[in-house]
Amino acid sequence: MAEDPVICTCLDMCKSEIVAAIREKGLKTVEEVGDEIEAGAVCGSCIDDIQAILDEENQ
């Protein structure tokens, strides 16, 4: 498995980019991630993965 997997295939956005946005902007929801960086806001297939990242980051 890749060290920095692509999470949002629509935008070719890797996990590290999503994590950086969550940390820098204090994002707490999938909707906030979508509003800020558009990940999860195109087709929605990565919403579960984004939620898992949010859960890890916001423990």
N, C-alpha and C. Protein backbone atom coordinates (compact mmCIF):
# COMPACT_ATOMS: atom_id res chain seq x y z
N MET A 1 0.84 -1.19 0.00
CA MET A 1 0.00 0.00 0.00
C MET A 1 0.88 1.25 0.00
N ALA A 2 0.43 2.26 -0.69
CA ALA A 2 1.19 3.50 -0.78
C ALA A 2 1.26 4.20 0.57
N GLU A 3 2.37 4.86 0.81
CA GLU A 3 2.53 5.60 2.06
C GLU A 3 1.58 6.78 2.13
N ASP A 4 1.28 7.37 0.97
CA ASP A 4 0.38 8.52 0.90
C ASP A 4 -0.68 8.23 -0.15
N PRO A 5 -1.67 7.41 0.21
CA PRO A 5 -2.66 6.98 -0.78
C PRO A 5 -3.55 8.12 -1.26
N VAL A 6 -3.98 8.00 -2.51
CA VAL A 6 -4.96 8.93 -3.06
C VAL A 6 -6.30 8.60 -2.41
N ILE A 7 -6.90 9.58 -1.78
CA ILE A 7 -8.20 9.39 -1.12
C ILE A 7 -9.32 9.86 -2.04
N CYS A 8 -9.18 11.06 -2.57
CA CYS A 8 -10.19 11.63 -3.47
C CYS A 8 -9.69 11.47 -4.90
N THR A 9 -10.23 10.47 -5.60
CA THR A 9 -9.78 10.21 -6.97
C THR A 9 -10.26 11.28 -7.95
N CYS A 10 -11.38 11.91 -7.68
CA CYS A 10 -11.88 12.96 -8.58
C CYS A 10 -10.89 14.12 -8.68
N LEU A 11 -10.28 14.46 -7.54
CA LEU A 11 -9.34 15.58 -7.50
C LEU A 11 -7.90 15.13 -7.39
N ASP A 12 -7.67 13.82 -7.41
CA ASP A 12 -6.33 13.25 -7.27
C ASP A 12 -5.66 13.78 -6.00
N MET A 13 -6.41 13.76 -4.89
CA MET A 13 -5.94 14.33 -3.62
C MET A 13 -5.51 13.23 -2.66
N CYS A 14 -4.28 13.34 -2.19
CA CYS A 14 -3.70 12.34 -1.30
C CYS A 14 -4.09 12.58 0.16
N LYS A 15 -3.92 11.55 0.95
CA LYS A 15 -4.25 11.63 2.38
C LYS A 15 -3.51 12.78 3.05
N SER A 16 -2.23 12.97 2.73
CA SER A 16 -1.44 14.02 3.39
C SER A 16 -2.03 15.40 3.15
N GLU A 17 -2.58 15.63 1.97
CA GLU A 17 -3.19 16.93 1.66
C GLU A 17 -4.44 17.15 2.51
N ILE A 18 -5.23 16.10 2.67
CA ILE A 18 -6.45 16.19 3.47
C ILE A 18 -6.10 16.40 4.93
N VAL A 19 -5.12 15.64 5.43
CA VAL A 19 -4.68 15.78 6.82
C VAL A 19 -4.17 17.19 7.06
N ALA A 20 -3.38 17.72 6.15
CA ALA A 20 -2.84 19.08 6.30
C ALA A 20 -3.96 20.11 6.42
N ALA A 21 -4.98 19.99 5.58
CA ALA A 21 -6.11 20.92 5.63
C ALA A 21 -6.87 20.80 6.95
N ILE A 22 -7.08 19.58 7.40
CA ILE A 22 -7.78 19.36 8.67
C ILE A 22 -7.02 20.02 9.80
N ARG A 23 -5.72 19.82 9.84
CA ARG A 23 -4.90 20.38 10.92
C ARG A 23 -4.80 21.90 10.83
N GLU A 24 -4.56 22.43 9.64
CA GLU A 24 -4.35 23.86 9.46
C GLU A 24 -5.63 24.67 9.70
N LYS A 25 -6.75 24.12 9.29
CA LYS A 25 -8.01 24.86 9.35
C LYS A 25 -8.94 24.41 10.47
N GLY A 26 -8.52 23.38 11.21
CA GLY A 26 -9.34 22.90 12.32
C GLY A 26 -10.66 22.29 11.87
N LEU A 27 -10.64 21.59 10.75
CA LEU A 27 -11.87 21.02 10.20
C LEU A 27 -12.36 19.85 11.04
N LYS A 28 -13.67 19.77 11.19
CA LYS A 28 -14.27 18.74 12.04
C LYS A 28 -15.25 17.83 11.32
N THR A 29 -15.74 18.24 10.14
CA THR A 29 -16.74 17.44 9.43
C THR A 29 -16.36 17.24 7.97
N VAL A 30 -16.96 16.23 7.36
CA VAL A 30 -16.75 15.97 5.93
C VAL A 30 -17.20 17.18 5.12
N GLU A 31 -18.28 17.82 5.56
CA GLU A 31 -18.79 18.99 4.86
C GLU A 31 -17.78 20.13 4.89
N GLU A 32 -17.14 20.33 6.04
CA GLU A 32 -16.11 21.38 6.14
C GLU A 32 -14.94 21.08 5.22
N VAL A 33 -14.54 19.81 5.14
CA VAL A 33 -13.46 19.42 4.23
C VAL A 33 -13.86 19.74 2.79
N GLY A 34 -15.07 19.37 2.42
CA GLY A 34 -15.56 19.65 1.07
C GLY A 34 -15.61 21.13 0.75
N ASP A 35 -16.06 21.92 1.72
CA ASP A 35 -16.13 23.37 1.52
C ASP A 35 -14.75 23.99 1.35
N GLU A 36 -13.78 23.51 2.12
CA GLU A 36 -12.43 24.09 2.10
C GLU A 36 -11.57 23.62 0.94
N ILE A 37 -11.55 22.30 0.68
CA ILE A 37 -10.63 21.78 -0.34
C ILE A 37 -11.32 20.95 -1.41
N GLU A 38 -12.64 20.86 -1.35
CA GLU A 38 -13.48 20.17 -2.33
C GLU A 38 -13.40 18.65 -2.29
N ALA A 39 -12.51 18.08 -1.48
CA ALA A 39 -12.44 16.62 -1.37
C ALA A 39 -13.76 16.10 -0.80
N GLY A 40 -14.32 15.10 -1.44
CA GLY A 40 -15.58 14.53 -1.00
C GLY A 40 -16.80 15.24 -1.53
N ALA A 41 -16.60 16.36 -2.23
CA ALA A 41 -17.72 17.15 -2.70
C ALA A 41 -18.05 16.95 -4.18
N VAL A 42 -17.29 16.07 -4.86
CA VAL A 42 -17.56 15.86 -6.28
C VAL A 42 -18.49 14.66 -6.44
N CYS A 43 -17.97 13.44 -6.36
CA CYS A 43 -18.84 12.27 -6.53
C CYS A 43 -19.27 11.67 -5.19
N GLY A 44 -18.51 11.95 -4.13
CA GLY A 44 -18.88 11.46 -2.80
C GLY A 44 -18.37 10.08 -2.44
N SER A 45 -17.67 9.42 -3.34
CA SER A 45 -17.23 8.04 -3.05
C SER A 45 -16.16 7.97 -1.96
N CYS A 46 -15.50 9.07 -1.65
CA CYS A 46 -14.43 9.07 -0.64
C CYS A 46 -14.89 9.59 0.72
N ILE A 47 -16.17 9.84 0.88
CA ILE A 47 -16.67 10.42 2.13
C ILE A 47 -16.34 9.53 3.33
N ASP A 48 -16.49 8.23 3.20
CA ASP A 48 -16.18 7.33 4.32
C ASP A 48 -14.70 7.40 4.69
N ASP A 49 -13.84 7.48 3.68
CA ASP A 49 -12.39 7.59 3.93
C ASP A 49 -12.06 8.92 4.60
N ILE A 50 -12.68 9.99 4.15
CA ILE A 50 -12.45 11.31 4.76
C ILE A 50 -12.93 11.30 6.21
N GLN A 51 -14.07 10.67 6.46
CA GLN A 51 -14.58 10.59 7.83
C GLN A 51 -13.61 9.82 8.71
N ALA A 52 -13.02 8.76 8.19
CA ALA A 52 -12.04 7.98 8.96
C ALA A 52 -10.82 8.83 9.29
N ILE A 53 -10.37 9.64 8.34
CA ILE A 53 -9.24 10.54 8.58
C ILE A 53 -9.61 11.58 9.64
N LEU A 54 -10.79 12.14 9.53
CA LEU A 54 -11.27 13.11 10.53
C LEU A 54 -11.31 12.47 11.92
N ASP A 55 -11.81 11.25 11.99
CA ASP A 55 -11.88 10.55 13.28
C ASP A 55 -10.49 10.37 13.88
N GLU A 56 -9.52 10.02 13.05
CA GLU A 56 -8.13 9.85 13.52
C GLU A 56 -7.54 11.17 14.01
N GLU A 57 -7.77 12.22 13.25
CA GLU A 57 -7.17 13.53 13.53
C GLU A 57 -7.83 14.24 14.70
N ASN A 58 -9.10 13.99 14.92
CA ASN A 58 -9.86 14.74 15.93
C ASN A 58 -10.17 13.92 17.18
N GLN A 59 -9.32 12.98 17.49
CA GLN A 59 -9.54 12.15 18.70
C GLN A 59 -9.38 12.98 19.93
